C-alpha atoms as a PDB file:
ATOM      1  CA  MET A   1     105.804  91.552  77.089  1.00  0.00           C
ATOM      2  CA  GLN A   2     107.591  89.966  80.015  1.00  0.00           C
ATOM      3  CA  VAL A   3     105.761  88.603  83.063  1.00  0.00           C
ATOM      4  CA  LEU A   4     107.620  87.868  86.290  1.00  0.00           C
ATOM      5  CA  ASP A   5     105.775  86.060  89.073  1.00  0.00           C
ATOM      6  CA  THR A   6     108.086  86.735  92.017  1.00  0.00           C
ATOM      7  CA  GLY A   7     105.850  88.018  94.825  1.00  0.00           C
ATOM      8  CA  ASN A   8     104.673  91.481  95.693  1.00  0.00           C
ATOM      9  CA  THR A   9     106.720  92.783  98.593  1.00  0.00           C
ATOM     10  CA  ALA A  10     110.040  92.848  96.746  1.00  0.00           C
ATOM     11  CA  ALA A  11     108.372  94.286  93.634  1.00  0.00           C
ATOM     12  CA  ARG A  12     106.677  97.053  95.628  1.00  0.00           C
ATOM     13  CA  THR A  13     109.974  97.933  97.280  1.00  0.00           C
ATOM     14  CA  ARG A  14     111.823  97.954  93.951  1.00  0.00           C
ATOM     15  CA  LEU A  15     109.165 100.168  92.358  1.00  0.00           C
ATOM     16  CA  GLY A  16     108.969 102.557  95.321  1.00  0.00           C
ATOM     17  CA  ILE A  17     105.400 101.754  96.347  1.00  0.00           C
ATOM     18  CA  PRO A  18     104.940 102.292 100.098  1.00  0.00           C
ATOM     19  CA  GLN A  19     103.676  99.087 101.741  1.00  0.00           C
ATOM     20  CA  LYS A  20     100.581 100.883 103.083  1.00  0.00           C
ATOM     21  CA  TYR A  21      99.230 100.949  99.500  1.00  0.00           C
ATOM     22  CA  GLY A  22      99.790  97.218  99.060  1.00  0.00           C
ATOM     23  CA  SER A  23      97.351  94.895  97.409  1.00  0.00           C
ATOM     24  CA  CYS A  24      97.451  91.546  95.676  1.00  0.00           C
ATOM     25  CA  HIS A  25      99.038  92.434  92.316  1.00  0.00           C
ATOM     26  CA  THR A  26     101.964  94.643  91.374  1.00  0.00           C
ATOM     27  CA  ALA A  27     102.827  95.669  87.821  1.00  0.00           C
ATOM     28  CA  GLN A  28     104.876  98.190  85.902  1.00  0.00           C
ATOM     29  CA  ILE A  29     103.896  99.895  82.667  1.00  0.00           C
ATOM     30  CA  GLY A  30     105.357 102.914  80.926  1.00  0.00           C
ATOM     31  CA  GLY A  31     107.672 103.614  83.863  1.00  0.00           C
ATOM     32  CA  TYR A  32     104.779 103.627  86.359  1.00  0.00           C
ATOM     33  CA  ALA A  33     103.945 101.178  89.129  1.00  0.00           C
ATOM     34  CA  ILE A  34     100.403  99.793  89.280  1.00  0.00           C
ATOM     35  CA  GLU A  35      99.272  98.228  92.536  1.00  0.00           C
ATOM     36  CA  GLY A  36      96.087  96.223  92.916  1.00  0.00           C
ATOM     37  CA  HIS A  37      92.895  96.059  90.880  1.00  0.00           C
ATOM     38  CA  VAL A  38      93.259  99.375  89.022  1.00  0.00           C
ATOM     39  CA  PRO A  39      90.804  99.766  86.103  1.00  0.00           C
ATOM     40  CA  ALA A  40      92.349  99.881  82.622  1.00  0.00           C
ATOM     41  CA  SER A  41      90.734 103.280  81.985  1.00  0.00           C
ATOM     42  CA  ASP A  42      92.681 104.750  84.931  1.00  0.00           C
ATOM     43  CA  ILE A  43      95.942 103.268  83.624  1.00  0.00           C
ATOM     44  CA  GLN A  44      95.240 104.642  80.140  1.00  0.00           C
ATOM     45  CA  ARG A  45      94.585 108.081  81.634  1.00  0.00           C
ATOM     46  CA  LEU A  46      97.830 107.860  83.661  1.00  0.00           C
ATOM     47  CA  LEU A  47      99.832 107.063  80.521  1.00  0.00           C
ATOM     48  CA  ARG A  48      98.114 109.847  78.578  1.00  0.00           C
ATOM     49  CA  GLU A  49      98.555 112.529  81.269  1.00  0.00           C
ATOM     50  CA  ALA A  50     102.056 111.352  82.326  1.00  0.00           C
ATOM     51  CA  PRO A  51     102.187 112.990  85.783  1.00  0.00           C
ATOM     52  CA  GLN A  52     105.358 113.022  87.855  1.00  0.00           C
ATOM     53  CA  ALA A  53     104.450 110.105  90.100  1.00  0.00           C
ATOM     54  CA  ILE A  54     105.359 106.581  91.153  1.00  0.00           C
ATOM     55  CA  GLY A  55     102.045 105.232  89.851  1.00  0.00           C
ATOM     56  CA  LEU A  56      98.553 104.166  90.841  1.00  0.00           C
ATOM     57  CA  ALA A  57      97.194 101.984  93.628  1.00  0.00           C
ATOM     58  CA  ALA A  58      93.847 100.483  94.525  1.00  0.00           C
ATOM     59  CA  PRO A  59      94.693  99.292  98.056  1.00  0.00           C
ATOM     60  CA  GLY A  60      93.041  96.149  99.317  1.00  0.00           C
ATOM     61  CA  MET A  61      90.816  94.132  97.032  1.00  0.00           C
ATOM     62  CA  PRO A  62      87.651  96.218  96.514  1.00  0.00           C
ATOM     63  CA  VAL A  63      84.670  94.168  95.394  1.00  0.00           C
ATOM     64  CA  GLY A  64      83.480  95.381  92.015  1.00  0.00           C
ATOM     65  CA  SER A  65      86.944  96.373  90.803  1.00  0.00           C
ATOM     66  CA  PRO A  66      88.381  94.557  87.763  1.00  0.00           C
ATOM     67  CA  GLY A  67      88.981  90.939  88.694  1.00  0.00           C
ATOM     68  CA  MET A  68      86.799  91.256  91.781  1.00  0.00           C
ATOM     69  CA  ASP A  69      83.553  91.476  89.849  1.00  0.00           C
ATOM     70  CA  GLY A  70      82.691  87.866  89.027  1.00  0.00           C
ATOM     71  CA  PRO A  71      79.483  85.966  89.732  1.00  0.00           C
ATOM     72  CA  ALA A  72      80.741  84.954  93.179  1.00  0.00           C
ATOM     73  CA  TYR A  73      80.147  88.560  94.301  1.00  0.00           C
ATOM     74  CA  GLY A  74      76.506  88.617  93.217  1.00  0.00           C
ATOM     75  CA  GLY A  75      76.758  91.944  91.412  1.00  0.00           C
ATOM     76  CA  ARG A  76      78.054  93.730  94.520  1.00  0.00           C
ATOM     77  CA  LYS A  77      80.161  96.828  93.837  1.00  0.00           C
ATOM     78  CA  ASP A  78      81.857  98.597  96.704  1.00  0.00           C
ATOM     79  CA  ALA A  79      82.945 102.214  96.353  1.00  0.00           C
ATOM     80  CA  TYR A  80      86.718 102.635  96.182  1.00  0.00           C
ATOM     81  CA  ASP A  81      89.376 105.143  95.201  1.00  0.00           C
ATOM     82  CA  VAL A  82      92.363 104.715  92.937  1.00  0.00           C
ATOM     83  CA  LEU A  83      95.252 106.689  94.394  1.00  0.00           C
ATOM     84  CA  LEU A  84      98.018 108.529  92.572  1.00  0.00           C
ATOM     85  CA  ILE A  85     101.222 107.866  94.507  1.00  0.00           C
ATOM     86  CA  GLY A  86     103.557 110.838  94.444  1.00  0.00           C
ATOM     87  CA  LYS A  87     107.329 110.610  94.188  1.00  0.00           C
ATOM     88  CA  ASN A  88     107.508 111.406  97.929  1.00  0.00           C
ATOM     89  CA  GLY A  89     105.194 108.486  98.822  1.00  0.00           C
ATOM     90  CA  SER A  90     102.138 110.639  99.527  1.00  0.00           C
ATOM     91  CA  SER A  91      98.894 110.019  97.698  1.00  0.00           C
ATOM     92  CA  THR A  92      95.891 111.838  96.282  1.00  0.00           C
ATOM     93  CA  VAL A  93      92.654 110.456  94.919  1.00  0.00           C
ATOM     94  CA  TYR A  94      93.137 109.985  91.190  1.00  0.00           C
ATOM     95  CA  GLN A  95      89.734 108.475  90.426  1.00  0.00           C
ATOM     96  CA  SER A  96      86.757 107.565  92.584  1.00  0.00           C
ATOM     97  CA  HIS A  97      84.686 104.555  91.583  1.00  0.00           C
ATOM     98  CA  ARG A  98      81.187 104.627  93.026  1.00  0.00           C
END
């Protein structure tokens, strides 16, 4: 595995993620872009289903998402959606987390 810590904006541009879906972390796995605090189960589903898409995004930093669920948040869990970003830059809800 190779990890490159080079900043998000250039990585999002290179991977084709529209800036409006931006968050704090950008990754690539299996040819897909992953933006933000996307749960591992959603990434596993993406890899299994292999849709024609750019990847997944959890815009912003939703409290209760992976990495945003520590003791500092006092057990708070905000509802949020993970979006499937289409090749044309549009999105649909891939998974709702309530």
